């Protein structure tokens, strides 16, 4: 586990703004948080260097990409040993349908978020890429009706906006 980094209110304000729009210019960030653009740049650079900011991502609409059906697959791997889970994880990460992969505690070992074209495509994926693998003991599928994005992510000690901070995930 890594140590957390000390962030002041200006850092937190910058992080809130960047999480809402990572394309915000340093000049606009600086004006919004009340510091000089050079100070803002220094703070963002420090948060990148220390690993607080990991990168920027482009969000796509899966439906407009021909993948209008999303699902969560709960997967049990047996036996649960490193020599089996390493290749399993690497294979799942390379699948174009995979959106996220989580290693869990409890009865299921993995939760895989996938995006596919339709139910026939989902069935093909489950049968060809999951249940065909010897180490996969069970797959349970749950369709996603709607997804909300929550945030921004702040340290536990920071004051948050409270209830109602999650929004339906829809294309801009």
N, C-alpha and C. Protein backbone atom coordinates (compact mmCIF):
# COMPACT_ATOMS: atom_id res chain seq x y z
N UNK A 1 0.84 -1.18 0.00
CA UNK A 1 0.00 0.00 0.00
C UNK A 1 0.89 1.24 0.00
N UNK A 2 0.55 2.21 -0.81
CA UNK A 2 1.35 3.42 -0.90
C UNK A 2 0.86 4.46 0.10
N UNK A 3 1.77 5.34 0.47
CA UNK A 3 1.42 6.42 1.39
C UNK A 3 0.64 7.49 0.65
N UNK A 4 -0.28 8.12 1.37
CA UNK A 4 -1.03 9.22 0.76
C UNK A 4 -0.16 10.47 0.76
N UNK A 5 -0.49 11.39 -0.12
CA UNK A 5 0.25 12.64 -0.29
C UNK A 5 -0.56 13.76 0.36
N UNK A 6 0.13 14.67 1.07
CA UNK A 6 -0.56 15.81 1.70
C UNK A 6 -1.02 16.78 0.60
N UNK A 7 -2.30 17.07 0.62
CA UNK A 7 -2.90 17.99 -0.36
C UNK A 7 -3.62 19.10 0.40
N UNK A 8 -3.38 20.34 -0.02
CA UNK A 8 -4.08 21.44 0.63
C UNK A 8 -5.35 21.78 -0.15
N UNK A 9 -6.07 22.81 0.30
CA UNK A 9 -7.35 23.14 -0.33
C UNK A 9 -7.20 23.58 -1.78
N UNK A 10 -6.07 24.23 -2.12
CA UNK A 10 -5.84 24.62 -3.51
C UNK A 10 -5.63 23.38 -4.38
N UNK A 11 -4.83 22.43 -3.89
CA UNK A 11 -4.62 21.17 -4.62
C UNK A 11 -5.96 20.46 -4.85
N UNK A 12 -6.78 20.40 -3.81
CA UNK A 12 -8.07 19.71 -3.91
C UNK A 12 -8.99 20.41 -4.90
N UNK A 13 -8.97 21.73 -4.91
CA UNK A 13 -9.78 22.49 -5.86
C UNK A 13 -9.32 22.20 -7.29
N UNK A 14 -8.00 22.19 -7.51
CA UNK A 14 -7.45 21.86 -8.83
C UNK A 14 -7.89 20.45 -9.24
N UNK A 15 -7.81 19.50 -8.33
CA UNK A 15 -8.20 18.13 -8.65
C UNK A 15 -9.69 18.02 -8.99
N UNK A 16 -10.53 18.74 -8.25
CA UNK A 16 -11.97 18.74 -8.56
C UNK A 16 -12.20 19.24 -9.99
N UNK A 17 -11.57 20.35 -10.31
CA UNK A 17 -11.75 20.95 -11.64
C UNK A 17 -11.23 20.04 -12.75
N UNK A 18 -10.04 19.46 -12.55
CA UNK A 18 -9.47 18.59 -13.58
C UNK A 18 -10.27 17.31 -13.75
N UNK A 19 -10.85 16.79 -12.68
CA UNK A 19 -11.66 15.59 -12.80
C UNK A 19 -12.95 15.87 -13.56
N UNK A 20 -13.43 17.08 -13.49
CA UNK A 20 -14.62 17.45 -14.25
C UNK A 20 -14.29 17.72 -15.71
N UNK A 21 -13.10 18.28 -15.98
CA UNK A 21 -12.67 18.54 -17.36
C UNK A 21 -11.15 18.59 -17.39
N UNK A 22 -10.53 17.49 -17.80
CA UNK A 22 -9.07 17.39 -17.82
C UNK A 22 -8.45 18.29 -18.88
N UNK A 23 -9.26 18.87 -19.76
CA UNK A 23 -8.74 19.76 -20.81
C UNK A 23 -8.66 21.22 -20.36
N UNK A 24 -9.04 21.50 -19.12
CA UNK A 24 -8.99 22.87 -18.62
C UNK A 24 -7.55 23.39 -18.69
N UNK A 25 -7.38 24.59 -19.20
CA UNK A 25 -6.03 25.17 -19.32
C UNK A 25 -5.52 25.58 -17.94
N UNK A 26 -4.19 25.68 -17.83
CA UNK A 26 -3.59 26.13 -16.57
C UNK A 26 -4.03 27.55 -16.24
N UNK A 27 -4.18 28.36 -17.25
CA UNK A 27 -4.62 29.74 -17.03
C UNK A 27 -6.03 29.75 -16.41
N UNK A 28 -6.94 28.94 -16.97
CA UNK A 28 -8.30 28.88 -16.43
C UNK A 28 -8.32 28.25 -15.03
N UNK A 29 -7.53 27.20 -14.83
CA UNK A 29 -7.43 26.58 -13.51
C UNK A 29 -6.95 27.60 -12.48
N UNK A 30 -5.88 28.31 -12.84
CA UNK A 30 -5.28 29.30 -11.92
C UNK A 30 -6.29 30.38 -11.56
N UNK A 31 -7.03 30.87 -12.55
CA UNK A 31 -8.03 31.91 -12.29
C UNK A 31 -9.12 31.39 -11.36
N UNK A 32 -9.53 30.16 -11.58
CA UNK A 32 -10.62 29.58 -10.77
C UNK A 32 -10.19 29.35 -9.32
N UNK A 33 -8.95 28.91 -9.11
CA UNK A 33 -8.50 28.61 -7.74
C UNK A 33 -7.79 29.78 -7.07
N UNK A 34 -7.51 30.86 -7.82
CA UNK A 34 -6.93 32.05 -7.22
C UNK A 34 -5.43 32.02 -7.02
N UNK A 35 -4.70 31.39 -7.94
CA UNK A 35 -3.24 31.39 -7.88
C UNK A 35 -2.70 31.78 -9.25
N UNK A 36 -1.40 32.04 -9.31
CA UNK A 36 -0.76 32.38 -10.59
C UNK A 36 -0.70 31.13 -11.47
N UNK A 37 -0.76 31.30 -12.80
CA UNK A 37 -0.66 30.14 -13.69
C UNK A 37 0.61 29.30 -13.45
N UNK A 38 1.73 29.95 -13.14
CA UNK A 38 2.97 29.20 -12.88
C UNK A 38 2.83 28.35 -11.61
N UNK A 39 2.16 28.89 -10.60
CA UNK A 39 1.92 28.15 -9.37
C UNK A 39 1.02 26.95 -9.65
N UNK A 40 0.00 27.17 -10.46
CA UNK A 40 -0.91 26.10 -10.82
C UNK A 40 -0.15 25.00 -11.56
N UNK A 41 0.67 25.37 -12.52
CA UNK A 41 1.47 24.40 -13.26
C UNK A 41 2.38 23.63 -12.32
N UNK A 42 3.04 24.32 -11.38
CA UNK A 42 3.92 23.65 -10.41
C UNK A 42 3.15 22.63 -9.58
N UNK A 43 1.95 23.01 -9.15
CA UNK A 43 1.15 22.10 -8.33
C UNK A 43 0.71 20.86 -9.12
N UNK A 44 0.26 21.06 -10.35
CA UNK A 44 -0.17 19.92 -11.18
C UNK A 44 1.04 19.02 -11.47
N UNK A 45 2.19 19.62 -11.77
CA UNK A 45 3.41 18.85 -12.03
C UNK A 45 3.79 18.03 -10.81
N UNK A 46 3.71 18.63 -9.62
CA UNK A 46 4.02 17.91 -8.38
C UNK A 46 3.05 16.75 -8.17
N UNK A 47 1.76 16.97 -8.44
CA UNK A 47 0.78 15.90 -8.24
C UNK A 47 0.97 14.78 -9.27
N UNK A 48 1.45 15.11 -10.46
CA UNK A 48 1.79 14.06 -11.44
C UNK A 48 3.02 13.30 -10.97
N UNK A 49 4.06 14.03 -10.56
CA UNK A 49 5.32 13.42 -10.16
C UNK A 49 5.13 12.48 -8.95
N UNK A 50 4.28 12.87 -8.02
CA UNK A 50 4.06 12.06 -6.82
C UNK A 50 3.02 10.97 -7.02
N UNK A 51 2.41 10.90 -8.21
CA UNK A 51 1.47 9.82 -8.50
C UNK A 51 0.04 10.09 -8.11
N UNK A 52 -0.27 11.29 -7.65
CA UNK A 52 -1.66 11.63 -7.35
C UNK A 52 -2.46 11.67 -8.66
N UNK A 53 -1.91 12.33 -9.67
CA UNK A 53 -2.53 12.35 -11.00
C UNK A 53 -1.84 11.28 -11.82
N UNK A 54 -2.61 10.31 -12.28
CA UNK A 54 -2.04 9.19 -13.03
C UNK A 54 -2.07 9.38 -14.53
N UNK A 55 -2.96 10.22 -15.03
CA UNK A 55 -3.06 10.43 -16.47
C UNK A 55 -4.40 11.01 -16.82
N UNK A 56 -4.70 11.02 -18.10
CA UNK A 56 -5.95 11.55 -18.62
C UNK A 56 -6.55 10.49 -19.53
N UNK A 57 -7.86 10.38 -19.54
CA UNK A 57 -8.52 9.39 -20.36
C UNK A 57 -9.57 10.03 -21.25
N UNK A 58 -9.74 9.44 -22.40
CA UNK A 58 -10.78 9.84 -23.32
C UNK A 58 -11.98 8.93 -23.08
N UNK A 59 -13.16 9.50 -22.84
CA UNK A 59 -14.36 8.70 -22.62
C UNK A 59 -15.11 8.54 -23.93
N UNK A 60 -15.50 7.33 -24.24
CA UNK A 60 -16.24 7.03 -25.45
C UNK A 60 -17.61 6.48 -25.10
N UNK A 61 -18.56 6.64 -25.99
CA UNK A 61 -19.89 6.07 -25.82
C UNK A 61 -19.86 4.67 -26.43
N UNK A 62 -19.93 3.61 -25.61
CA UNK A 62 -19.87 2.25 -26.15
C UNK A 62 -20.95 1.97 -27.21
N UNK A 63 -22.15 2.50 -27.02
CA UNK A 63 -23.23 2.26 -27.99
C UNK A 63 -22.87 2.84 -29.35
N UNK A 64 -22.27 4.02 -29.37
CA UNK A 64 -21.88 4.64 -30.65
C UNK A 64 -20.67 3.94 -31.27
N UNK A 65 -20.02 3.09 -30.49
CA UNK A 65 -18.89 2.31 -30.99
C UNK A 65 -19.34 0.90 -31.39
N UNK A 66 -20.67 0.68 -31.43
CA UNK A 66 -21.19 -0.63 -31.80
C UNK A 66 -21.23 -1.63 -30.66
N UNK A 67 -21.10 -1.15 -29.43
CA UNK A 67 -21.12 -2.03 -28.25
C UNK A 67 -22.18 -1.51 -27.27
N UNK A 68 -23.45 -1.64 -27.68
CA UNK A 68 -24.56 -1.07 -26.93
C UNK A 68 -25.03 -1.86 -25.72
N UNK A 69 -24.48 -3.05 -25.50
CA UNK A 69 -24.87 -3.86 -24.35
C UNK A 69 -23.66 -4.01 -23.44
N UNK A 70 -23.83 -3.60 -22.18
CA UNK A 70 -22.75 -3.73 -21.20
C UNK A 70 -23.18 -4.70 -20.11
N UNK A 71 -22.22 -5.42 -19.57
CA UNK A 71 -22.51 -6.42 -18.55
C UNK A 71 -21.36 -6.51 -17.56
N UNK A 72 -21.68 -7.05 -16.39
CA UNK A 72 -20.68 -7.38 -15.39
C UNK A 72 -20.64 -8.90 -15.29
N UNK A 73 -19.46 -9.47 -15.42
CA UNK A 73 -19.28 -10.92 -15.33
C UNK A 73 -18.56 -11.23 -14.03
N UNK A 74 -19.22 -12.01 -13.16
CA UNK A 74 -18.59 -12.49 -11.94
C UNK A 74 -17.95 -13.83 -12.28
N UNK A 75 -16.66 -13.96 -12.01
CA UNK A 75 -15.92 -15.14 -12.45
C UNK A 75 -15.23 -15.80 -11.26
N UNK A 76 -15.40 -17.13 -11.15
CA UNK A 76 -14.66 -17.92 -10.17
C UNK A 76 -13.56 -18.66 -10.91
N UNK A 77 -12.35 -18.59 -10.38
CA UNK A 77 -11.22 -19.31 -10.95
C UNK A 77 -10.81 -20.39 -9.96
N UNK A 78 -10.69 -21.62 -10.43
CA UNK A 78 -10.30 -22.74 -9.56
C UNK A 78 -9.27 -23.60 -10.25
N UNK A 79 -8.20 -23.96 -9.60
CA UNK A 79 -7.79 -23.43 -8.30
C UNK A 79 -7.26 -22.01 -8.45
N UNK A 80 -7.38 -21.26 -7.39
CA UNK A 80 -6.97 -19.85 -7.40
C UNK A 80 -5.48 -19.79 -7.06
N UNK A 81 -4.65 -20.00 -8.09
CA UNK A 81 -3.19 -19.99 -7.90
C UNK A 81 -2.55 -19.04 -8.90
N UNK A 82 -1.41 -18.47 -8.49
CA UNK A 82 -0.72 -17.48 -9.33
C UNK A 82 -0.45 -17.97 -10.74
N UNK A 83 -0.03 -19.20 -10.88
CA UNK A 83 0.31 -19.69 -12.21
C UNK A 83 -0.90 -19.77 -13.14
N UNK A 84 -2.11 -19.76 -12.58
CA UNK A 84 -3.32 -19.75 -13.39
C UNK A 84 -3.90 -18.35 -13.55
N UNK A 85 -3.86 -17.57 -12.47
CA UNK A 85 -4.52 -16.26 -12.55
C UNK A 85 -3.73 -15.25 -13.38
N UNK A 86 -2.42 -15.37 -13.43
CA UNK A 86 -1.62 -14.46 -14.24
C UNK A 86 -2.02 -14.51 -15.72
N UNK A 87 -1.98 -15.70 -16.33
CA UNK A 87 -2.41 -15.80 -17.74
C UNK A 87 -3.88 -15.44 -17.95
N UNK A 88 -4.74 -15.77 -16.97
CA UNK A 88 -6.16 -15.42 -17.08
C UNK A 88 -6.31 -13.90 -17.14
N UNK A 89 -5.68 -13.19 -16.22
CA UNK A 89 -5.78 -11.73 -16.16
C UNK A 89 -5.25 -11.11 -17.45
N UNK A 90 -4.11 -11.57 -17.91
CA UNK A 90 -3.53 -11.01 -19.13
C UNK A 90 -4.44 -11.24 -20.33
N UNK A 91 -5.06 -12.42 -20.43
CA UNK A 91 -5.96 -12.70 -21.55
C UNK A 91 -7.18 -11.78 -21.51
N UNK A 92 -7.79 -11.66 -20.34
CA UNK A 92 -9.00 -10.84 -20.21
C UNK A 92 -8.68 -9.38 -20.52
N UNK A 93 -7.52 -8.91 -20.10
CA UNK A 93 -7.13 -7.51 -20.36
C UNK A 93 -6.94 -7.23 -21.85
N UNK A 94 -6.64 -8.26 -22.65
CA UNK A 94 -6.43 -8.05 -24.09
C UNK A 94 -7.72 -8.10 -24.90
N UNK A 95 -8.80 -8.57 -24.31
CA UNK A 95 -10.06 -8.68 -25.05
C UNK A 95 -10.61 -7.29 -25.38
N UNK A 96 -11.01 -7.04 -26.61
CA UNK A 96 -11.54 -5.72 -26.96
C UNK A 96 -12.85 -5.41 -26.23
N UNK A 97 -13.55 -6.42 -25.77
CA UNK A 97 -14.81 -6.21 -25.05
C UNK A 97 -14.60 -5.79 -23.60
N UNK A 98 -13.42 -6.05 -23.04
CA UNK A 98 -13.15 -5.76 -21.63
C UNK A 98 -12.99 -4.27 -21.40
N UNK A 99 -13.74 -3.75 -20.42
CA UNK A 99 -13.67 -2.33 -20.04
C UNK A 99 -12.93 -2.15 -18.72
N UNK A 100 -13.11 -3.11 -17.80
CA UNK A 100 -12.43 -3.05 -16.50
C UNK A 100 -12.40 -4.45 -15.92
N UNK A 101 -11.38 -4.70 -15.11
CA UNK A 101 -11.20 -6.00 -14.47
C UNK A 101 -10.83 -5.76 -13.02
N UNK A 102 -11.55 -6.42 -12.11
CA UNK A 102 -11.32 -6.26 -10.68
C UNK A 102 -11.04 -7.62 -10.05
N UNK A 103 -10.02 -7.71 -9.22
CA UNK A 103 -9.71 -8.91 -8.43
C UNK A 103 -10.39 -8.72 -7.08
N UNK A 104 -11.21 -9.68 -6.66
CA UNK A 104 -12.09 -9.50 -5.51
C UNK A 104 -11.79 -10.48 -4.38
N UNK A 105 -12.36 -10.17 -3.21
CA UNK A 105 -12.47 -11.15 -2.13
C UNK A 105 -13.89 -11.71 -2.21
N UNK A 106 -14.16 -12.77 -1.47
CA UNK A 106 -15.51 -13.33 -1.46
C UNK A 106 -15.63 -14.52 -2.40
N UNK A 107 -16.86 -14.93 -2.68
CA UNK A 107 -17.07 -16.15 -3.47
C UNK A 107 -16.62 -16.02 -4.93
N UNK A 108 -16.65 -14.81 -5.49
CA UNK A 108 -16.18 -14.60 -6.86
C UNK A 108 -14.77 -14.02 -6.80
N UNK A 109 -13.95 -14.44 -7.74
CA UNK A 109 -12.56 -14.00 -7.77
C UNK A 109 -12.36 -12.74 -8.60
N UNK A 110 -13.16 -12.59 -9.66
CA UNK A 110 -13.02 -11.45 -10.57
C UNK A 110 -14.37 -10.89 -10.94
N UNK A 111 -14.38 -9.60 -11.20
CA UNK A 111 -15.54 -8.92 -11.78
C UNK A 111 -15.03 -8.25 -13.04
N UNK A 112 -15.66 -8.57 -14.16
CA UNK A 112 -15.21 -8.05 -15.45
C UNK A 112 -16.34 -7.22 -16.05
N UNK A 113 -16.07 -5.97 -16.36
CA UNK A 113 -17.03 -5.09 -17.03
C UNK A 113 -16.74 -5.23 -18.52
N UNK A 114 -17.76 -5.64 -19.28
CA UNK A 114 -17.60 -5.82 -20.72
C UNK A 114 -18.62 -5.00 -21.48
N UNK A 115 -18.30 -4.67 -22.72
CA UNK A 115 -19.21 -3.99 -23.63
C UNK A 115 -19.22 -4.80 -24.93
N UNK A 116 -20.42 -5.21 -25.35
CA UNK A 116 -20.58 -6.05 -26.53
C UNK A 116 -21.68 -5.48 -27.42
N UNK A 117 -21.82 -6.06 -28.60
CA UNK A 117 -22.82 -5.56 -29.56
C UNK A 117 -24.24 -5.91 -29.13
N UNK A 118 -24.46 -7.15 -28.69
CA UNK A 118 -25.81 -7.62 -28.37
C UNK A 118 -25.72 -8.90 -27.54
N UNK A 119 -26.85 -9.51 -27.25
CA UNK A 119 -26.85 -10.71 -26.40
C UNK A 119 -26.13 -11.88 -27.06
N UNK A 120 -26.23 -12.01 -28.38
CA UNK A 120 -25.51 -13.08 -29.07
C UNK A 120 -24.00 -12.89 -28.92
N UNK A 121 -23.55 -11.65 -29.01
CA UNK A 121 -22.13 -11.34 -28.83
C UNK A 121 -21.69 -11.62 -27.40
N UNK A 122 -22.54 -11.31 -26.43
CA UNK A 122 -22.25 -11.60 -25.02
C UNK A 122 -22.14 -13.10 -24.81
N UNK A 123 -23.06 -13.85 -25.37
CA UNK A 123 -23.02 -15.31 -25.24
C UNK A 123 -21.72 -15.87 -25.85
N UNK A 124 -21.35 -15.38 -27.03
CA UNK A 124 -20.11 -15.81 -27.67
C UNK A 124 -18.91 -15.51 -26.77
N UNK A 125 -18.88 -14.31 -26.21
CA UNK A 125 -17.77 -13.91 -25.35
C UNK A 125 -17.66 -14.83 -24.13
N UNK A 126 -18.79 -15.06 -23.46
CA UNK A 126 -18.78 -15.90 -22.25
C UNK A 126 -18.33 -17.31 -22.59
N UNK A 127 -18.88 -17.88 -23.65
CA UNK A 127 -18.56 -19.27 -24.01
C UNK A 127 -17.15 -19.42 -24.57
N UNK A 128 -16.74 -18.52 -25.45
CA UNK A 128 -15.45 -18.67 -26.13
C UNK A 128 -14.26 -18.18 -25.31
N UNK A 129 -14.47 -17.15 -24.51
CA UNK A 129 -13.33 -16.55 -23.81
C UNK A 129 -13.29 -16.81 -22.31
N UNK A 130 -14.40 -17.22 -21.73
CA UNK A 130 -14.42 -17.46 -20.28
C UNK A 130 -14.62 -18.93 -19.95
N UNK A 131 -15.80 -19.48 -20.22
CA UNK A 131 -16.08 -20.85 -19.79
C UNK A 131 -15.26 -21.89 -20.54
N UNK A 132 -14.66 -21.53 -21.65
CA UNK A 132 -13.80 -22.47 -22.37
C UNK A 132 -12.44 -22.64 -21.69
N UNK A 133 -12.11 -21.76 -20.79
CA UNK A 133 -10.82 -21.82 -20.08
C UNK A 133 -10.92 -22.82 -18.93
N UNK A 134 -9.93 -23.69 -18.79
CA UNK A 134 -9.95 -24.73 -17.75
C UNK A 134 -10.04 -24.18 -16.34
N UNK A 135 -9.39 -23.04 -16.09
CA UNK A 135 -9.36 -22.51 -14.73
C UNK A 135 -10.65 -21.80 -14.33
N UNK A 136 -11.52 -21.51 -15.29
CA UNK A 136 -12.78 -20.83 -14.97
C UNK A 136 -13.81 -21.86 -14.52
N UNK A 137 -14.21 -21.76 -13.26
CA UNK A 137 -15.17 -22.70 -12.68
C UNK A 137 -16.61 -22.23 -12.87
N UNK A 138 -16.82 -20.90 -12.90
CA UNK A 138 -18.18 -20.38 -13.00
C UNK A 138 -18.15 -18.95 -13.49
N UNK A 139 -19.16 -18.59 -14.29
CA UNK A 139 -19.36 -17.21 -14.74
C UNK A 139 -20.81 -16.86 -14.51
N UNK A 140 -21.05 -15.74 -13.86
CA UNK A 140 -22.41 -15.24 -13.67
C UNK A 140 -22.48 -13.87 -14.34
N UNK A 141 -23.51 -13.67 -15.16
CA UNK A 141 -23.63 -12.47 -15.96
C UNK A 141 -24.74 -11.57 -15.45
N UNK A 142 -24.45 -10.29 -15.35
CA UNK A 142 -25.46 -9.28 -14.98
C UNK A 142 -25.41 -8.17 -16.02
N UNK A 143 -26.56 -7.86 -16.61
CA UNK A 143 -26.63 -6.78 -17.58
C UNK A 143 -26.67 -5.43 -16.87
N UNK A 144 -26.07 -4.43 -17.47
CA UNK A 144 -26.07 -3.08 -16.92
C UNK A 144 -27.17 -2.29 -17.64
N UNK A 145 -28.15 -1.83 -16.89
CA UNK A 145 -29.20 -0.99 -17.45
C UNK A 145 -28.75 0.45 -17.61
N UNK A 146 -28.10 0.96 -16.57
CA UNK A 146 -27.65 2.35 -16.57
C UNK A 146 -26.44 2.46 -15.66
N UNK A 147 -25.59 3.42 -15.95
CA UNK A 147 -24.37 3.62 -15.18
C UNK A 147 -24.27 5.08 -14.78
N UNK A 148 -23.82 5.33 -13.57
CA UNK A 148 -23.59 6.70 -13.09
C UNK A 148 -22.13 6.86 -12.79
N UNK A 149 -21.61 8.05 -13.06
CA UNK A 149 -20.26 8.38 -12.67
C UNK A 149 -20.35 9.23 -11.41
N UNK A 150 -19.51 8.93 -10.47
CA UNK A 150 -19.49 9.66 -9.21
C UNK A 150 -18.15 10.38 -9.07
N UNK A 151 -18.13 11.33 -8.23
CA UNK A 151 -16.86 11.99 -8.05
C UNK A 151 -17.05 13.44 -7.70
N UNK A 152 -16.02 14.17 -7.63
CA UNK A 152 -14.64 13.77 -7.87
C UNK A 152 -14.07 12.97 -6.69
N UNK A 153 -13.01 12.22 -6.96
CA UNK A 153 -12.34 11.45 -5.92
C UNK A 153 -11.49 12.41 -5.10
N UNK A 154 -11.70 12.41 -3.80
CA UNK A 154 -10.95 13.27 -2.88
C UNK A 154 -10.48 12.43 -1.71
N UNK A 155 -9.45 12.89 -0.99
CA UNK A 155 -8.99 12.15 0.20
C UNK A 155 -10.10 12.10 1.25
N UNK A 156 -10.07 11.09 2.12
CA UNK A 156 -11.11 10.96 3.15
C UNK A 156 -11.29 12.19 4.02
N UNK A 157 -10.23 12.94 4.26
CA UNK A 157 -10.32 14.10 5.14
C UNK A 157 -10.93 15.33 4.46
N UNK A 158 -11.04 15.31 3.13
CA UNK A 158 -11.57 16.46 2.40
C UNK A 158 -13.09 16.52 2.50
N UNK A 159 -13.63 17.70 2.53
CA UNK A 159 -15.07 17.89 2.55
C UNK A 159 -15.60 17.59 1.15
N UNK A 160 -16.65 16.78 1.05
CA UNK A 160 -17.22 16.44 -0.25
C UNK A 160 -18.52 17.17 -0.45
N UNK A 161 -19.01 17.08 -1.66
CA UNK A 161 -20.24 17.79 -2.02
C UNK A 161 -21.48 17.16 -1.41
N UNK A 162 -21.37 15.94 -0.90
CA UNK A 162 -22.51 15.28 -0.27
C UNK A 162 -23.35 14.53 -1.27
N UNK A 163 -24.60 14.17 -0.89
CA UNK A 163 -25.46 13.39 -1.76
C UNK A 163 -25.72 14.10 -3.08
N UNK A 164 -25.98 13.28 -4.09
CA UNK A 164 -26.35 13.84 -5.39
C UNK A 164 -25.16 14.19 -6.25
N UNK A 165 -23.96 13.66 -5.92
CA UNK A 165 -22.79 13.97 -6.73
C UNK A 165 -22.60 12.99 -7.88
N UNK A 166 -23.43 11.96 -7.96
CA UNK A 166 -23.33 11.01 -9.06
C UNK A 166 -24.23 11.45 -10.19
N UNK A 167 -23.76 11.24 -11.41
CA UNK A 167 -24.53 11.64 -12.59
C UNK A 167 -24.63 10.45 -13.53
N UNK A 168 -25.73 10.34 -14.25
CA UNK A 168 -25.89 9.30 -15.24
C UNK A 168 -24.79 9.45 -16.28
N UNK A 169 -24.19 8.33 -16.65
CA UNK A 169 -23.12 8.36 -17.64
C UNK A 169 -23.72 8.39 -19.02
N UNK A 170 -23.67 9.56 -19.62
CA UNK A 170 -24.21 9.75 -20.96
C UNK A 170 -23.20 10.53 -21.76
N UNK A 171 -23.18 10.36 -23.08
CA UNK A 171 -22.23 11.11 -23.90
C UNK A 171 -22.47 12.61 -23.79
N UNK A 172 -21.37 13.37 -23.87
CA UNK A 172 -21.46 14.83 -23.81
C UNK A 172 -22.03 15.40 -25.10
